[in-house]
Amino acid sequence: MGTDRYAYASRLRRMDPVAKILFCALVLGVCLCCGGIAPGLATLLMMGLLSVFWGGVPGKVFLKFLTVPLAFLALGCLTIVVNAHPQGTPVLAGLSVGSQVWGITRDSAFQGLAILSKSLGAISAMYFLALNTPMTDVTLGLQRLKVPQLMIELMDLIYRFIFVLWDTAAAIRTAQDSRLGYTGFRRSISSLGSLSSMVFLRAWNKADAIYSALESRGYTGSLATMAQTYQPGKTCYLIAPAVGFVQLLCCWLEVRYFG
C-alpha cells in the first residue's frame, strides 16, 4: 500500500539503505540551504530522473505523487504572493480596495516561486527515498546511523497505524454507503461526523489490542527486525557530490546573472 508497493519493486530495493538515506539527506540539505528558484527546480528534475531511470519508478507514478502536496503548496504560496500594499505601489497585477492595493509585486512573485520550487525539490528528494526504500529498510538504516531507538519506534508505529486508520475508515464508509448514508448534504455531514468518531474509537481499541498482543509475546519496548544483506551503495556516494555540485552551480548562476 502507498509507496511501499513501488519501493519493493524498485531496482534499488537491495541497495544499502544507509547510502540512500545519506544521499537524500545531502540533497535535501543543499536544496533547503540554497536560495532562489533554480536550485529547487534542478533538484526536482534530477531526483525525478534518478527515480525513473535509475530506480525504475514509472514516470506517471512519480508525477502523481507530486500532485499530492500541490494543493497545500499552492495555498501557502498564494498567501505569500498576494498581499496588501499602499496605493501607488508598483504591482504586476492587483485590485484597488479602499486605500490599499491587493496584488502581486515582483518581489512577492519571486519569493513565492522560490518557496514553491524549494518545496518541490525537497519533496522530490524524500520521494526518491520513499519510492526506492521500504519502511523496514529505512528503520534498519536509521538504527545503523545511531538514531535514538525511541524515535525509530514511534516512527514505525505511526506509519503502521496509518494503514489501520485507512482500513477502518474504508470499512465504515462502505457500510454507510450501503445504507444510503451519503445521499444528501445533511445526511453526508452526519455520516462523515459518525465516521470520524468511529474511526478514532475503533483505532484506539485496535491499538490497545495490538499492544496487549505484543506484551504477551515478550515486548520490552523495542521491535526487533531481522537484519538483511544489502548491496554496497557506492554508486550513491559517487552520485551525491555530482548532484550537490549541480545544485550549488544553479544557485551561483542564478545569483550571478539574475540576482
Protein backbone atom coordinates (compact mmCIF):
# COMPACT_ATOMS: atom_id res chain seq x y z
CA MET A 1 0.00 0.00 0.00
CA GLY A 2 1.11 3.57 -0.50
CA THR A 3 4.72 4.00 -1.59
CA ASP A 4 5.79 0.56 -0.32
CA ARG A 5 4.41 -1.26 -3.38
CA TYR A 6 6.80 0.71 -5.59
CA ALA A 7 9.69 0.51 -3.12
CA TYR A 8 9.60 -3.29 -3.13
CA ALA A 9 9.60 -3.32 -6.94
CA SER A 10 12.39 -0.73 -7.25
CA ARG A 11 15.73 -1.59 -8.85
CA LEU A 12 17.38 -0.02 -5.80
CA ARG A 13 15.45 -2.22 -3.35
CA ARG A 14 18.54 -4.23 -2.36
CA MET A 15 20.92 -1.27 -2.14
CA ASP A 16 22.27 -0.34 1.28
CA PRO A 17 19.61 1.93 2.88
CA VAL A 18 22.26 3.92 4.75
CA ALA A 19 23.72 5.07 1.43
CA LYS A 20 20.28 6.12 0.17
CA ILE A 21 19.45 7.92 3.40
CA LEU A 22 22.73 9.86 3.41
CA PHE A 23 22.34 10.68 -0.28
CA CYS A 24 18.83 12.05 0.19
CA ALA A 25 19.87 13.94 3.35
CA LEU A 26 22.69 15.67 1.44
CA VAL A 27 20.44 16.60 -1.49
CA LEU A 28 17.68 17.79 0.86
CA GLY A 29 20.09 19.87 2.97
CA VAL A 30 21.64 21.62 -0.04
CA CYS A 31 18.22 22.29 -1.54
CA LEU A 32 16.96 23.89 1.68
CA CYS A 33 20.11 25.96 2.19
CA CYS A 34 20.22 27.38 -1.36
CA GLY A 35 18.07 30.38 -2.12
CA GLY A 36 16.35 31.24 -5.37
CA ILE A 37 14.32 29.26 -7.87
CA ALA A 38 16.92 27.37 -9.91
CA PRO A 39 18.32 25.05 -7.18
CA GLY A 40 14.85 23.74 -6.29
CA LEU A 41 13.93 23.12 -9.91
CA ALA A 42 17.29 21.42 -10.54
CA THR A 43 16.73 19.19 -7.51
CA LEU A 44 13.23 18.32 -8.69
CA LEU A 45 14.47 17.44 -12.18
CA MET A 46 17.49 15.42 -11.05
CA MET A 47 15.71 13.42 -8.35
CA GLY A 48 12.80 12.76 -10.68
CA LEU A 49 15.13 11.45 -13.41
CA LEU A 50 17.05 9.32 -10.90
CA SER A 51 13.82 7.83 -9.53
CA VAL A 52 12.53 7.00 -13.02
CA PHE A 53 15.65 5.89 -14.90
CA TRP A 54 17.76 4.57 -12.02
CA GLY A 55 15.14 3.32 -9.60
CA GLY A 56 12.68 2.17 -12.25
CA VAL A 57 9.72 4.05 -10.79
CA PRO A 58 7.12 4.78 -13.53
CA GLY A 59 7.15 8.44 -14.51
CA LYS A 60 3.36 8.72 -14.13
CA VAL A 61 3.63 7.41 -10.58
CA PHE A 62 6.26 9.98 -9.62
CA LEU A 63 4.20 12.81 -11.11
CA LYS A 64 1.06 11.50 -9.40
CA PHE A 65 2.76 11.62 -6.00
CA LEU A 66 3.99 15.15 -6.73
CA THR A 67 0.41 16.32 -7.19
CA VAL A 68 -0.49 15.23 -3.64
CA PRO A 69 1.10 18.24 -1.85
CA LEU A 70 0.47 20.73 -4.67
CA ALA A 71 -2.85 22.00 -3.27
CA PHE A 72 -1.26 22.72 0.11
CA LEU A 73 1.77 24.36 -1.52
CA ALA A 74 -0.38 26.45 -3.86
CA LEU A 75 -2.48 27.82 -0.98
CA GLY A 76 0.62 28.52 1.10
CA CYS A 77 2.40 30.32 -1.73
CA LEU A 78 -0.75 32.28 -2.64
CA THR A 79 -0.76 33.94 0.79
CA ILE A 80 2.84 34.99 0.18
CA VAL A 81 2.40 36.22 -3.40
CA VAL A 82 -0.80 38.23 -2.89
CA ASN A 83 -0.53 40.99 -0.26
CA ALA A 84 -1.97 44.38 0.61
CA HIS A 85 0.15 47.38 -0.45
CA PRO A 86 -0.24 51.16 -0.15
CA GLN A 87 -1.72 52.98 -3.12
CA GLY A 88 0.93 53.80 -5.70
CA THR A 89 2.96 50.64 -5.12
CA PRO A 90 4.04 49.15 -8.47
CA VAL A 91 2.33 45.79 -8.85
CA LEU A 92 2.35 43.22 -11.62
CA ALA A 93 -1.37 42.60 -11.12
CA GLY A 94 -3.66 44.00 -8.49
CA LEU A 95 -7.02 45.31 -7.37
CA SER A 96 -7.64 48.61 -5.55
CA VAL A 97 -9.62 48.21 -2.33
CA GLY A 98 -10.03 51.48 -0.45
CA SER A 99 -6.65 52.94 0.42
CA GLN A 100 -4.79 49.74 -0.42
CA VAL A 101 -3.91 47.68 -3.43
CA TRP A 102 -4.20 43.90 -3.18
CA GLY A 103 -1.86 42.45 -5.72
CA ILE A 104 1.36 40.79 -6.75
CA THR A 105 4.67 42.60 -6.74
CA ARG A 106 7.88 41.50 -8.40
CA ASP A 107 9.47 40.63 -5.06
CA SER A 108 6.47 38.69 -3.75
CA ALA A 109 6.19 36.72 -7.01
CA PHE A 110 9.87 35.79 -6.84
CA GLN A 111 9.57 34.82 -3.17
CA GLY A 112 6.51 32.66 -3.85
CA LEU A 113 8.16 30.89 -6.79
CA ALA A 114 11.33 30.35 -4.77
CA ILE A 115 9.42 28.75 -1.90
CA LEU A 116 7.39 26.60 -4.31
CA SER A 117 10.48 25.36 -6.19
CA LYS A 118 12.39 24.70 -2.97
CA SER A 119 9.45 22.76 -1.53
CA LEU A 120 9.06 20.65 -4.66
CA GLY A 121 12.79 19.96 -4.71
CA ALA A 122 12.75 18.84 -1.08
CA ILE A 123 9.68 16.67 -1.69
CA SER A 124 11.31 15.03 -4.71
CA ALA A 125 14.36 14.16 -2.59
CA MET A 126 12.14 12.49 0.02
CA TYR A 127 10.16 10.71 -2.69
CA PHE A 128 13.38 9.23 -4.05
CA LEU A 129 13.94 7.61 -0.66
CA ALA A 130 10.31 6.58 -0.12
CA LEU A 131 9.81 5.12 -3.61
CA ASN A 132 13.06 3.13 -3.57
CA THR A 133 13.36 2.04 0.07
CA PRO A 134 10.75 0.02 2.02
CA MET A 135 9.91 1.24 5.50
CA THR A 136 11.61 -1.72 7.19
CA ASP A 137 14.86 -0.89 5.40
CA VAL A 138 14.58 2.75 6.42
CA THR A 139 14.25 1.82 10.10
CA LEU A 140 17.20 -0.58 9.84
CA GLY A 141 19.26 2.15 8.21
CA LEU A 142 18.35 4.66 10.92
CA GLN A 143 19.37 2.14 13.59
CA ARG A 144 22.77 1.77 11.96
CA LEU A 145 23.08 5.57 11.90
CA LYS A 146 22.55 5.59 15.70
CA VAL A 147 19.24 7.46 15.62
CA PRO A 148 17.56 7.22 19.07
CA GLN A 149 15.58 4.00 19.34
CA LEU A 150 12.51 5.74 20.77
CA MET A 151 12.25 7.95 17.68
CA ILE A 152 12.53 4.94 15.39
CA GLU A 153 9.86 3.01 17.32
CA LEU A 154 7.44 5.94 17.24
CA MET A 155 8.02 6.47 13.53
CA ASP A 156 7.45 2.79 12.80
CA LEU A 157 4.26 2.56 14.90
CA ILE A 158 2.82 5.77 13.44
CA TYR A 159 3.49 4.51 9.92
CA ARG A 160 1.80 1.17 10.63
CA PHE A 161 -1.27 2.80 12.16
CA ILE A 162 -1.81 4.97 9.09
CA PHE A 163 -3.00 1.82 7.33
CA VAL A 164 -5.04 0.71 10.34
CA LEU A 165 -6.94 4.00 10.19
CA TRP A 166 -7.21 3.69 6.43
CA ASP A 167 -8.74 0.21 6.55
CA THR A 168 -11.09 1.13 9.39
CA ALA A 169 -12.33 4.27 7.61
CA ALA A 170 -12.80 2.34 4.34
CA ALA A 171 -14.89 -0.36 6.05
CA ILE A 172 -17.10 2.19 7.82
CA ARG A 173 -17.54 4.22 4.62
CA THR A 174 -18.61 1.09 2.70
CA ALA A 175 -21.17 0.27 5.39
CA GLN A 176 -22.53 3.82 5.32
CA ASP A 177 -22.74 3.83 1.52
CA SER A 178 -24.70 0.58 1.56
CA ARG A 179 -27.26 2.28 3.84
CA LEU A 180 -27.50 5.41 1.62
CA GLY A 181 -25.61 7.48 4.16
CA TYR A 182 -24.36 9.98 1.58
CA THR A 183 -27.49 10.64 -0.49
CA GLY A 184 -27.94 14.26 0.67
CA PHE A 185 -25.86 17.11 2.07
CA ARG A 186 -27.23 16.93 5.63
CA ARG A 187 -27.02 13.14 5.69
CA SER A 188 -23.49 13.26 4.27
CA ILE A 189 -22.36 15.64 7.01
CA SER A 190 -23.93 13.44 9.67
CA SER A 191 -22.33 10.30 8.21
CA LEU A 192 -18.95 11.99 7.99
CA GLY A 193 -19.15 13.00 11.64
CA SER A 194 -20.07 9.47 12.67
CA LEU A 195 -17.23 8.08 10.55
CA SER A 196 -14.68 10.40 12.18
CA SER A 197 -15.73 9.46 15.72
CA MET A 198 -15.94 5.73 14.98
CA VAL A 199 -12.52 5.67 13.31
CA PHE A 200 -10.96 7.16 16.42
CA LEU A 201 -12.71 4.75 18.80
CA ARG A 202 -12.02 1.63 16.73
CA ALA A 203 -8.41 2.61 16.13
CA TRP A 204 -7.99 3.17 19.88
CA ASN A 205 -9.42 -0.28 20.64
CA LYS A 206 -7.29 -1.92 17.95
CA ALA A 207 -4.16 -0.19 19.25
CA ASP A 208 -4.91 -1.45 22.76
CA ALA A 209 -5.41 -4.99 21.44
CA ILE A 210 -2.16 -4.86 19.47
CA TYR A 211 -0.24 -3.62 22.50
CA SER A 212 -1.66 -6.46 24.61
CA ALA A 213 -0.63 -8.93 21.91
CA LEU A 214 2.89 -7.50 21.85
CA GLU A 215 3.22 -7.74 25.64
CA SER A 216 2.03 -11.35 25.60
CA ARG A 217 4.88 -12.11 23.16
CA GLY A 218 7.58 -10.56 25.31
CA TYR A 219 7.56 -6.95 24.09
CA THR A 220 10.15 -4.97 26.07
CA GLY A 221 9.88 -1.58 24.39
CA SER A 222 11.57 -2.25 21.06
CA LEU A 223 10.53 -4.06 17.90
CA ALA A 224 13.31 -6.34 16.74
CA THR A 225 13.74 -6.58 12.96
CA MET A 226 15.89 -9.19 11.29
CA ALA A 227 18.89 -7.67 9.53
CA GLN A 228 19.24 -8.23 5.80
CA THR A 229 22.12 -8.41 3.35
CA TYR A 230 22.33 -5.40 1.06
CA GLN A 231 24.34 -4.47 -1.98
CA PRO A 232 27.01 -1.79 -1.43
CA GLY A 233 25.81 1.74 -2.02
CA LYS A 234 28.98 3.01 -3.69
CA THR A 235 27.00 4.47 -6.59
CA CYS A 236 25.04 6.71 -4.22
CA TYR A 237 28.26 8.02 -2.69
CA LEU A 238 29.58 8.81 -6.18
CA ILE A 239 26.40 10.49 -7.42
CA ALA A 240 25.83 12.58 -4.27
CA PRO A 241 28.73 15.05 -4.87
CA ALA A 242 27.68 15.46 -8.52
CA VAL A 243 24.08 16.28 -7.59
CA GLY A 244 25.25 18.68 -4.87
CA PHE A 245 27.61 20.40 -7.32
CA VAL A 246 24.79 20.94 -9.83
CA GLN A 247 22.58 22.39 -7.09
CA LEU A 248 25.29 24.83 -5.98
CA LEU A 249 26.12 25.70 -9.58
CA CYS A 250 22.49 26.55 -10.31
CA CYS A 251 22.39 28.71 -7.18
CA TRP A 252 25.56 30.56 -8.20
CA LEU A 253 24.39 31.10 -11.79
CA GLU A 254 21.05 32.48 -10.62
CA VAL A 255 22.73 34.91 -8.24
CA ARG A 256 25.36 35.83 -10.84
CA TYR A 257 23.03 36.58 -13.73
CA PHE A 258 19.59 37.18 -12.21
CA GLY A 259 20.35 38.31 -8.67
